[in-house]
Amino acid sequence: MPTIERMEVVPVAGYDSMLLNLAGAHEPFFTRNIVVMTDSEGYTGVAEVPGGKVITRRLESCVPLVEGKSIGQWKAVVQDCRGMLERQVAGTQGSGDIETAHAMIFKKVTNVLTGVETPMLDLLGKHLEVPVAALLGEGQVRDRVR
C-alpha cells in the first residue's frame, strides 16, 4: 500500500459569493486551508477546511503523524492526530464543567481532523478506483447533483 510522502498545508483567502451554507450565508471574503497529500506512487489527495492561523498551525502539527504512513492506516492516523490535538486543546482550556470542555475540544479539532482524513480517503479512493463517496456511510447514492 502506498505511503504519504508529503502533507502540505496551504492557507488561502479570496472573495466569496453570497451562497447559503449550514450557518447562514458566506461572508464576502473567505479564508481556507487547502491540505495536499502526495503518496509514494505520485497520486495527490486534497481537502479544504476553514482557515485561520490556529487551524493552520494545528494541521501543521499533524504532519509528523501523517508523513511516512500507509494510506491504508488512515483511521489510525486520524486517531493519533485526534489524541495529540485533544491534548493540545485541553492545555488551552480554562476551568469549567466537563461537558462544556469536551464540546469545545470537539469543535476545535474537528476541522483539523477533516483536513487529515479527507485527503487520505481521496488517495485511498484513487488507488481502489472508486470515488470517496463509495468509502463513506452508505456509499455513493447518486452520480451527480444539480
Protein backbone atom coordinates (compact mmCIF):
# COMPACT_ATOMS: atom_id res chain seq x y z
CA MET A 1 0.00 0.00 0.00
CA PRO A 2 1.37 3.47 -0.87
CA THR A 3 2.63 5.78 1.88
CA ILE A 4 2.12 9.50 2.39
CA GLU A 5 5.33 11.19 1.24
CA ARG A 6 4.25 14.78 1.81
CA MET A 7 1.48 16.69 3.58
CA GLU A 8 1.32 20.37 2.75
CA VAL A 9 -0.99 22.96 4.35
CA VAL A 10 -1.70 25.96 2.12
CA PRO A 11 -3.65 28.88 3.62
CA VAL A 12 -5.69 30.76 1.01
CA ALA A 13 -8.02 33.76 1.02
CA GLY A 14 -10.30 35.29 -1.55
CA TYR A 15 -13.64 36.78 -2.48
CA ASP A 16 -16.74 34.65 -1.97
CA SER A 17 -20.21 34.93 -3.45
CA MET A 18 -23.37 35.12 -1.34
CA LEU A 19 -24.16 31.40 -1.20
CA LEU A 20 -26.17 29.74 1.53
CA ASN A 21 -24.39 27.35 3.87
CA LEU A 22 -25.23 25.46 7.05
CA ALA A 23 -24.55 28.52 9.21
CA GLY A 24 -26.50 31.02 7.07
CA ALA A 25 -24.57 32.60 4.21
CA HIS A 26 -20.98 33.03 3.13
CA GLU A 27 -19.20 36.21 4.08
CA PRO A 28 -17.91 38.38 1.21
CA PHE A 29 -14.36 37.13 1.82
CA PHE A 30 -13.07 33.75 2.90
CA THR A 31 -10.04 32.09 4.38
CA ARG A 32 -9.43 28.38 3.94
CA ASN A 33 -6.71 25.83 4.41
CA ILE A 34 -6.04 23.55 1.48
CA VAL A 35 -4.37 20.29 2.53
CA VAL A 36 -2.47 18.46 -0.20
CA MET A 37 -1.04 14.99 0.36
CA THR A 38 1.17 13.22 -2.14
CA ASP A 39 1.75 9.48 -1.89
CA SER A 40 4.68 7.29 -2.85
CA GLU A 41 3.09 6.48 -6.22
CA GLY A 42 2.64 10.14 -7.19
CA TYR A 43 -1.09 10.45 -6.53
CA THR A 44 -2.46 13.58 -4.84
CA GLY A 45 -5.27 13.80 -2.29
CA VAL A 46 -6.84 17.15 -1.39
CA ALA A 47 -9.03 18.65 1.34
CA GLU A 48 -10.43 22.09 2.04
CA VAL A 49 -11.19 23.15 5.62
CA PRO A 50 -11.84 26.50 7.34
CA GLY A 51 -8.95 28.93 7.51
CA GLY A 52 -7.25 30.86 10.25
CA LYS A 53 -3.86 30.69 11.93
CA VAL A 54 -4.98 28.32 14.69
CA ILE A 55 -6.33 25.68 12.29
CA THR A 56 -3.27 26.11 10.05
CA ARG A 57 -0.90 25.54 13.00
CA ARG A 58 -2.85 22.52 14.22
CA LEU A 59 -2.84 20.99 10.74
CA GLU A 60 0.91 21.56 10.50
CA SER A 61 1.37 19.85 13.87
CA CYS A 62 -0.17 16.70 12.34
CA VAL A 63 2.41 16.45 9.55
CA PRO A 64 4.86 14.23 11.51
CA LEU A 65 1.99 11.86 12.37
CA VAL A 66 0.94 11.60 8.70
CA GLU A 67 4.08 11.53 6.58
CA GLY A 68 5.50 8.04 6.12
CA LYS A 69 2.22 6.31 6.99
CA SER A 70 0.38 3.93 4.66
CA ILE A 71 -2.86 5.27 3.22
CA GLY A 72 -4.43 2.04 4.48
CA GLN A 73 -3.72 3.27 8.03
CA TRP A 74 -5.92 6.35 7.60
CA LYS A 75 -8.14 5.59 10.59
CA ALA A 76 -5.19 5.03 12.95
CA VAL A 77 -3.52 8.21 11.66
CA VAL A 78 -6.69 10.22 12.30
CA GLN A 79 -6.96 8.74 15.81
CA ASP A 80 -3.31 9.60 16.54
CA CYS A 81 -3.92 13.17 15.37
CA ARG A 82 -7.10 13.36 17.46
CA GLY A 83 -5.23 12.34 20.61
CA MET A 84 -2.46 14.87 20.02
CA LEU A 85 -4.91 17.67 19.19
CA GLU A 86 -7.14 16.96 22.17
CA ARG A 87 -4.09 17.20 24.44
CA GLN A 88 -3.08 20.48 22.77
CA VAL A 89 -6.55 21.99 23.10
CA ALA A 90 -7.10 20.68 26.65
CA GLY A 91 -4.00 22.57 27.69
CA THR A 92 -5.59 25.84 26.50
CA GLN A 93 -8.96 25.35 28.21
CA GLY A 94 -9.90 27.21 31.36
CA SER A 95 -11.74 25.59 34.22
CA GLY A 96 -15.40 24.72 33.72
CA ASP A 97 -17.71 21.77 33.54
CA ILE A 98 -16.54 18.62 31.79
CA GLU A 99 -19.34 18.58 29.16
CA THR A 100 -18.56 22.12 28.04
CA ALA A 101 -14.84 21.35 27.92
CA HIS A 102 -15.43 18.22 25.79
CA ALA A 103 -17.72 20.14 23.43
CA MET A 104 -15.11 22.88 22.97
CA ILE A 105 -12.35 20.34 22.36
CA PHE A 106 -14.51 18.53 19.78
CA LYS A 107 -15.28 21.80 17.99
CA LYS A 108 -11.63 22.87 17.94
CA VAL A 109 -10.25 19.63 16.50
CA THR A 110 -12.98 18.53 14.05
CA ASN A 111 -11.92 20.80 11.18
CA VAL A 112 -8.31 19.77 11.62
CA LEU A 113 -9.16 16.06 11.60
CA THR A 114 -11.23 16.58 8.46
CA GLY A 115 -8.16 18.15 6.87
CA VAL A 116 -6.18 14.99 7.61
CA GLU A 117 -8.82 12.34 6.89
CA THR A 118 -10.23 13.71 3.63
CA PRO A 119 -7.03 13.71 1.53
CA MET A 120 -6.13 10.25 2.86
CA LEU A 121 -9.56 8.96 1.78
CA ASP A 122 -9.13 10.78 -1.54
CA LEU A 123 -5.89 8.86 -2.07
CA LEU A 124 -7.38 5.56 -0.93
CA GLY A 125 -10.30 6.00 -3.34
CA LYS A 126 -7.91 6.70 -6.21
CA HIS A 127 -5.97 3.51 -5.53
CA LEU A 128 -9.19 1.48 -5.19
CA GLU A 129 -10.59 3.22 -8.30
CA VAL A 130 -13.75 4.38 -6.52
CA PRO A 131 -15.00 7.85 -5.57
CA VAL A 132 -14.57 8.88 -1.94
CA ALA A 133 -18.36 8.75 -1.53
CA ALA A 134 -18.18 4.97 -2.08
CA LEU A 135 -15.97 4.70 1.03
CA LEU A 136 -18.33 6.59 3.36
CA GLY A 137 -21.53 5.71 5.21
CA GLU A 138 -24.00 4.01 2.88
CA GLY A 139 -21.68 4.53 -0.06
CA GLN A 140 -22.30 6.55 -3.20
CA VAL A 141 -26.01 7.28 -3.60
CA ARG A 142 -26.04 9.28 -6.84
CA ASP A 143 -23.85 10.01 -9.83
CA ARG A 144 -24.40 13.76 -9.88
CA VAL A 145 -26.18 16.65 -8.16
CA ARG A 146 -27.90 19.71 -9.55
